[in-house]
Amino acid sequence: MPDQTQHLAVTLFSELLAVDQLARASMARVLPKGMELSHFSVLNHLAHSGAERTPAQLAQTFHLTRGAMTNTLSKLEWAGWVHVRPDWDDARRKLVSISPSGLSARNAAIAAISPLVSEVVAKVGEDKVRATLPVLRELRAKLSDPA
């Protein structure tokens, strides 16, 4: 890899990591009391998908170990934000769905983070954000592809 390309790659990843850290910290500060960013992420995914998921599917979606996802799901279930039930077709598996109170908690989190995100978009500019999204999606796809 030529030096210039390597420098570009390192600079890109340095910026991505810095933005990720800052975004996570900013969002964590405004989330409703008792909600962690990992909780919001799972609730938001379940709300968008509208379907039950297995813990293994959720772990794969979030690139986590099954143990880490089980820990998060236990906290969400304890809070009453998700329902975990046996899979009637395969007793070895469980299925997870968002509960009505989980949907309310997710909506409260959206309301809490929306002003923060809107302010950032306004400062950067909607056109720049729209132009950046396809590049970020392509980067995510390339990083998710194990090949």
C-alpha atoms as a PDB file:
ATOM      1  CA  MET A   1       0.000   0.000   0.000  1.00  0.00           C
ATOM      2  CA  PRO A   2       1.546   3.331  -1.013  1.00  0.00           C
ATOM      3  CA  ASP A   3       2.385   5.698   1.849  1.00  0.00           C
ATOM      4  CA  GLN A   4      -0.196   8.263   0.745  1.00  0.00           C
ATOM      5  CA  THR A   5      -3.005   5.664   0.660  1.00  0.00           C
ATOM      6  CA  GLN A   6      -1.928   4.264   4.029  1.00  0.00           C
ATOM      7  CA  HIS A   7      -1.909   7.757   5.522  1.00  0.00           C
ATOM      8  CA  LEU A   8      -5.411   8.402   4.120  1.00  0.00           C
ATOM      9  CA  ALA A   9      -6.678   5.112   5.572  1.00  0.00           C
ATOM     10  CA  VAL A  10      -5.187   5.815   9.012  1.00  0.00           C
ATOM     11  CA  THR A  11      -6.577   9.348   9.004  1.00  0.00           C
ATOM     12  CA  LEU A  12     -10.031   8.090   7.974  1.00  0.00           C
ATOM     13  CA  PHE A  13     -10.145   5.500  10.751  1.00  0.00           C
ATOM     14  CA  SER A  14      -8.809   7.982  13.302  1.00  0.00           C
ATOM     15  CA  GLU A  15     -11.645  10.358  12.417  1.00  0.00           C
ATOM     16  CA  LEU A  16     -14.251   7.575  12.472  1.00  0.00           C
ATOM     17  CA  LEU A  17     -13.107   6.418  15.907  1.00  0.00           C
ATOM     18  CA  ALA A  18     -13.053   9.966  17.277  1.00  0.00           C
ATOM     19  CA  VAL A  19     -16.552  10.690  15.926  1.00  0.00           C
ATOM     20  CA  ASP A  20     -17.815   7.372  17.309  1.00  0.00           C
ATOM     21  CA  GLN A  21     -16.435   8.137  20.778  1.00  0.00           C
ATOM     22  CA  LEU A  22     -17.826  11.672  20.806  1.00  0.00           C
ATOM     23  CA  ALA A  23     -21.233  10.607  19.474  1.00  0.00           C
ATOM     24  CA  ARG A  24     -21.536   7.817  22.040  1.00  0.00           C
ATOM     25  CA  ALA A  25     -20.568  10.093  24.924  1.00  0.00           C
ATOM     26  CA  SER A  26     -22.965  12.838  23.785  1.00  0.00           C
ATOM     27  CA  MET A  27     -25.860  10.431  23.365  1.00  0.00           C
ATOM     28  CA  ALA A  28     -25.183   8.632  26.656  1.00  0.00           C
ATOM     29  CA  ARG A  29     -25.427  11.972  28.504  1.00  0.00           C
ATOM     30  CA  VAL A  30     -28.952  12.685  27.239  1.00  0.00           C
ATOM     31  CA  LEU A  31     -30.507   9.214  27.310  1.00  0.00           C
ATOM     32  CA  PRO A  32     -33.270   8.716  29.874  1.00  0.00           C
ATOM     33  CA  LYS A  33     -32.119   7.726  33.369  1.00  0.00           C
ATOM     34  CA  GLY A  34     -31.237   4.052  33.572  1.00  0.00           C
ATOM     35  CA  MET A  35     -30.886   3.562  29.819  1.00  0.00           C
ATOM     36  CA  GLU A  36     -27.509   2.711  28.355  1.00  0.00           C
ATOM     37  CA  LEU A  37     -26.570   3.213  24.729  1.00  0.00           C
ATOM     38  CA  SER A  38     -26.551  -0.569  24.204  1.00  0.00           C
ATOM     39  CA  HIS A  39     -30.128  -0.728  25.554  1.00  0.00           C
ATOM     40  CA  PHE A  40     -31.259   2.009  23.184  1.00  0.00           C
ATOM     41  CA  SER A  41     -29.565   0.309  20.232  1.00  0.00           C
ATOM     42  CA  VAL A  42     -31.358  -2.993  20.828  1.00  0.00           C
ATOM     43  CA  LEU A  43     -34.719  -1.323  21.520  1.00  0.00           C
ATOM     44  CA  ASN A  44     -34.386   0.812  18.404  1.00  0.00           C
ATOM     45  CA  HIS A  45     -33.515  -2.228  16.288  1.00  0.00           C
ATOM     46  CA  LEU A  46     -36.472  -4.218  17.613  1.00  0.00           C
ATOM     47  CA  ALA A  47     -38.815  -1.254  17.113  1.00  0.00           C
ATOM     48  CA  HIS A  48     -37.658  -0.821  13.500  1.00  0.00           C
ATOM     49  CA  SER A  49     -37.721  -4.506  12.621  1.00  0.00           C
ATOM     50  CA  GLY A  50     -41.146  -5.114  14.114  1.00  0.00           C
ATOM     51  CA  ALA A  51     -40.284  -8.808  14.417  1.00  0.00           C
ATOM     52  CA  GLU A  52     -39.003 -11.151  17.065  1.00  0.00           C
ATOM     53  CA  ARG A  53     -35.304 -11.953  16.984  1.00  0.00           C
ATOM     54  CA  THR A  54     -33.220 -14.621  18.638  1.00  0.00           C
ATOM     55  CA  PRO A  55     -30.425 -13.514  20.973  1.00  0.00           C
ATOM     56  CA  ALA A  56     -27.959 -15.009  18.463  1.00  0.00           C
ATOM     57  CA  GLN A  57     -29.417 -12.906  15.636  1.00  0.00           C
ATOM     58  CA  LEU A  58     -29.179  -9.781  17.787  1.00  0.00           C
ATOM     59  CA  ALA A  59     -25.586 -10.605  18.748  1.00  0.00           C
ATOM     60  CA  GLN A  60     -24.709 -10.981  15.072  1.00  0.00           C
ATOM     61  CA  THR A  61     -26.474  -7.737  14.145  1.00  0.00           C
ATOM     62  CA  PHE A  62     -24.508  -5.793  16.758  1.00  0.00           C
ATOM     63  CA  HIS A  63     -21.244  -7.710  16.269  1.00  0.00           C
ATOM     64  CA  LEU A  64     -21.235  -8.872  19.884  1.00  0.00           C
ATOM     65  CA  THR A  65     -20.660 -12.187  21.572  1.00  0.00           C
ATOM     66  CA  ARG A  66     -23.751 -14.124  22.581  1.00  0.00           C
ATOM     67  CA  GLY A  67     -22.740 -13.631  26.210  1.00  0.00           C
ATOM     68  CA  ALA A  68     -22.614  -9.848  25.847  1.00  0.00           C
ATOM     69  CA  MET A  69     -26.018  -9.838  24.154  1.00  0.00           C
ATOM     70  CA  THR A  70     -27.474 -12.125  26.825  1.00  0.00           C
ATOM     71  CA  ASN A  71     -26.272  -9.663  29.463  1.00  0.00           C
ATOM     72  CA  THR A  72     -27.895  -6.726  27.668  1.00  0.00           C
ATOM     73  CA  LEU A  73     -31.126  -8.656  27.119  1.00  0.00           C
ATOM     74  CA  SER A  74     -31.247  -9.625  30.802  1.00  0.00           C
ATOM     75  CA  LYS A  75     -31.086  -5.949  31.773  1.00  0.00           C
ATOM     76  CA  LEU A  76     -33.734  -5.042  29.215  1.00  0.00           C
ATOM     77  CA  GLU A  77     -35.998  -7.845  30.403  1.00  0.00           C
ATOM     78  CA  TRP A  78     -35.509  -6.823  34.045  1.00  0.00           C
ATOM     79  CA  ALA A  79     -36.523  -3.270  33.116  1.00  0.00           C
ATOM     80  CA  GLY A  80     -39.620  -4.653  31.373  1.00  0.00           C
ATOM     81  CA  TRP A  81     -38.515  -3.296  28.008  1.00  0.00           C
ATOM     82  CA  VAL A  82     -38.368  -6.619  26.159  1.00  0.00           C
ATOM     83  CA  HIS A  83     -40.197  -9.925  26.298  1.00  0.00           C
ATOM     84  CA  VAL A  84     -38.097 -13.079  26.051  1.00  0.00           C
ATOM     85  CA  ARG A  85     -40.024 -16.266  25.350  1.00  0.00           C
ATOM     86  CA  PRO A  86     -39.226 -19.807  24.290  1.00  0.00           C
ATOM     87  CA  ASP A  87     -39.339 -20.615  20.599  1.00  0.00           C
ATOM     88  CA  TRP A  88     -42.206 -23.093  20.390  1.00  0.00           C
ATOM     89  CA  ASP A  89     -40.687 -24.703  17.272  1.00  0.00           C
ATOM     90  CA  ASP A  90     -37.220 -25.158  18.817  1.00  0.00           C
ATOM     91  CA  ALA A  91     -37.120 -25.339  22.611  1.00  0.00           C
ATOM     92  CA  ARG A  92     -33.377 -24.629  22.605  1.00  0.00           C
ATOM     93  CA  ARG A  93     -33.940 -21.110  21.285  1.00  0.00           C
ATOM     94  CA  LYS A  94     -35.530 -17.991  22.712  1.00  0.00           C
ATOM     95  CA  LEU A  95     -37.251 -15.147  20.897  1.00  0.00           C
ATOM     96  CA  VAL A  96     -37.028 -11.498  21.884  1.00  0.00           C
ATOM     97  CA  SER A  97     -39.555  -8.751  21.166  1.00  0.00           C
ATOM     98  CA  ILE A  98     -39.942  -5.186  22.333  1.00  0.00           C
ATOM     99  CA  SER A  99     -42.628  -4.623  24.972  1.00  0.00           C
ATOM    100  CA  PRO A 100     -45.045  -1.682  25.023  1.00  0.00           C
ATOM    101  CA  SER A 101     -43.006  -0.105  27.835  1.00  0.00           C
ATOM    102  CA  GLY A 102     -39.848  -0.768  25.816  1.00  0.00           C
ATOM    103  CA  LEU A 103     -41.357   1.061  22.871  1.00  0.00           C
ATOM    104  CA  SER A 104     -42.221   3.966  25.184  1.00  0.00           C
ATOM    105  CA  ALA A 105     -38.665   3.967  26.576  1.00  0.00           C
ATOM    106  CA  ARG A 106     -37.232   3.902  23.042  1.00  0.00           C
ATOM    107  CA  ASN A 107     -39.503   6.784  22.013  1.00  0.00           C
ATOM    108  CA  ALA A 108     -38.421   8.771  25.093  1.00  0.00           C
ATOM    109  CA  ALA A 109     -34.796   8.145  24.109  1.00  0.00           C
ATOM    110  CA  ILE A 110     -35.478   9.315  20.556  1.00  0.00           C
ATOM    111  CA  ALA A 111     -37.071  12.485  21.968  1.00  0.00           C
ATOM    112  CA  ALA A 112     -34.035  13.023  24.207  1.00  0.00           C
ATOM    113  CA  ILE A 113     -31.396  12.564  21.504  1.00  0.00           C
ATOM    114  CA  SER A 114     -33.238  14.280  18.643  1.00  0.00           C
ATOM    115  CA  PRO A 115     -32.295  17.848  19.644  1.00  0.00           C
ATOM    116  CA  LEU A 116     -28.645  16.829  19.973  1.00  0.00           C
ATOM    117  CA  VAL A 117     -28.556  15.096  16.596  1.00  0.00           C
ATOM    118  CA  SER A 118     -30.544  17.870  14.908  1.00  0.00           C
ATOM    119  CA  GLU A 119     -28.120  20.467  16.239  1.00  0.00           C
ATOM    120  CA  VAL A 120     -25.134  18.554  14.865  1.00  0.00           C
ATOM    121  CA  VAL A 121     -26.814  18.141  11.460  1.00  0.00           C
ATOM    122  CA  ALA A 122     -27.658  21.854  11.396  1.00  0.00           C
ATOM    123  CA  LYS A 123     -24.067  22.821  12.261  1.00  0.00           C
ATOM    124  CA  VAL A 124     -22.526  20.492   9.673  1.00  0.00           C
ATOM    125  CA  GLY A 125     -25.213  21.154   7.062  1.00  0.00           C
ATOM    126  CA  GLU A 126     -27.930  18.866   5.745  1.00  0.00           C
ATOM    127  CA  ASP A 127     -26.356  18.608   2.295  1.00  0.00           C
ATOM    128  CA  LYS A 128     -23.011  17.462   3.712  1.00  0.00           C
ATOM    129  CA  VAL A 129     -24.716  14.912   5.962  1.00  0.00           C
ATOM    130  CA  ARG A 130     -26.765  13.547   3.039  1.00  0.00           C
ATOM    131  CA  ALA A 131     -23.598  13.302   0.932  1.00  0.00           C
ATOM    132  CA  THR A 132     -21.749  11.486   3.742  1.00  0.00           C
ATOM    133  CA  LEU A 133     -24.387   8.808   4.398  1.00  0.00           C
ATOM    134  CA  PRO A 134     -23.739   6.706   1.256  1.00  0.00           C
ATOM    135  CA  VAL A 135     -20.006   6.673   1.998  1.00  0.00           C
ATOM    136  CA  LEU A 136     -20.583   5.617   5.613  1.00  0.00           C
ATOM    137  CA  ARG A 137     -23.003   2.903   4.499  1.00  0.00           C
ATOM    138  CA  GLU A 138     -20.470   1.585   2.003  1.00  0.00           C
ATOM    139  CA  LEU A 139     -17.735   1.590   4.657  1.00  0.00           C
ATOM    140  CA  ARG A 140     -20.047  -0.324   7.024  1.00  0.00           C
ATOM    141  CA  ALA A 141     -20.848  -2.861   4.306  1.00  0.00           C
ATOM    142  CA  LYS A 142     -17.169  -3.383   3.485  1.00  0.00           C
ATOM    143  CA  LEU A 143     -16.249  -3.773   7.159  1.00  0.00           C
ATOM    144  CA  SER A 144     -19.166  -6.178   7.768  1.00  0.00           C
ATOM    145  CA  ASP A 145     -18.210  -8.401   4.842  1.00  0.00           C
ATOM    146  CA  PRO A 146     -15.830 -11.087   6.155  1.00  0.00           C
ATOM    147  CA  ALA A 147     -14.362 -11.725   2.687  1.00  0.00           C
END
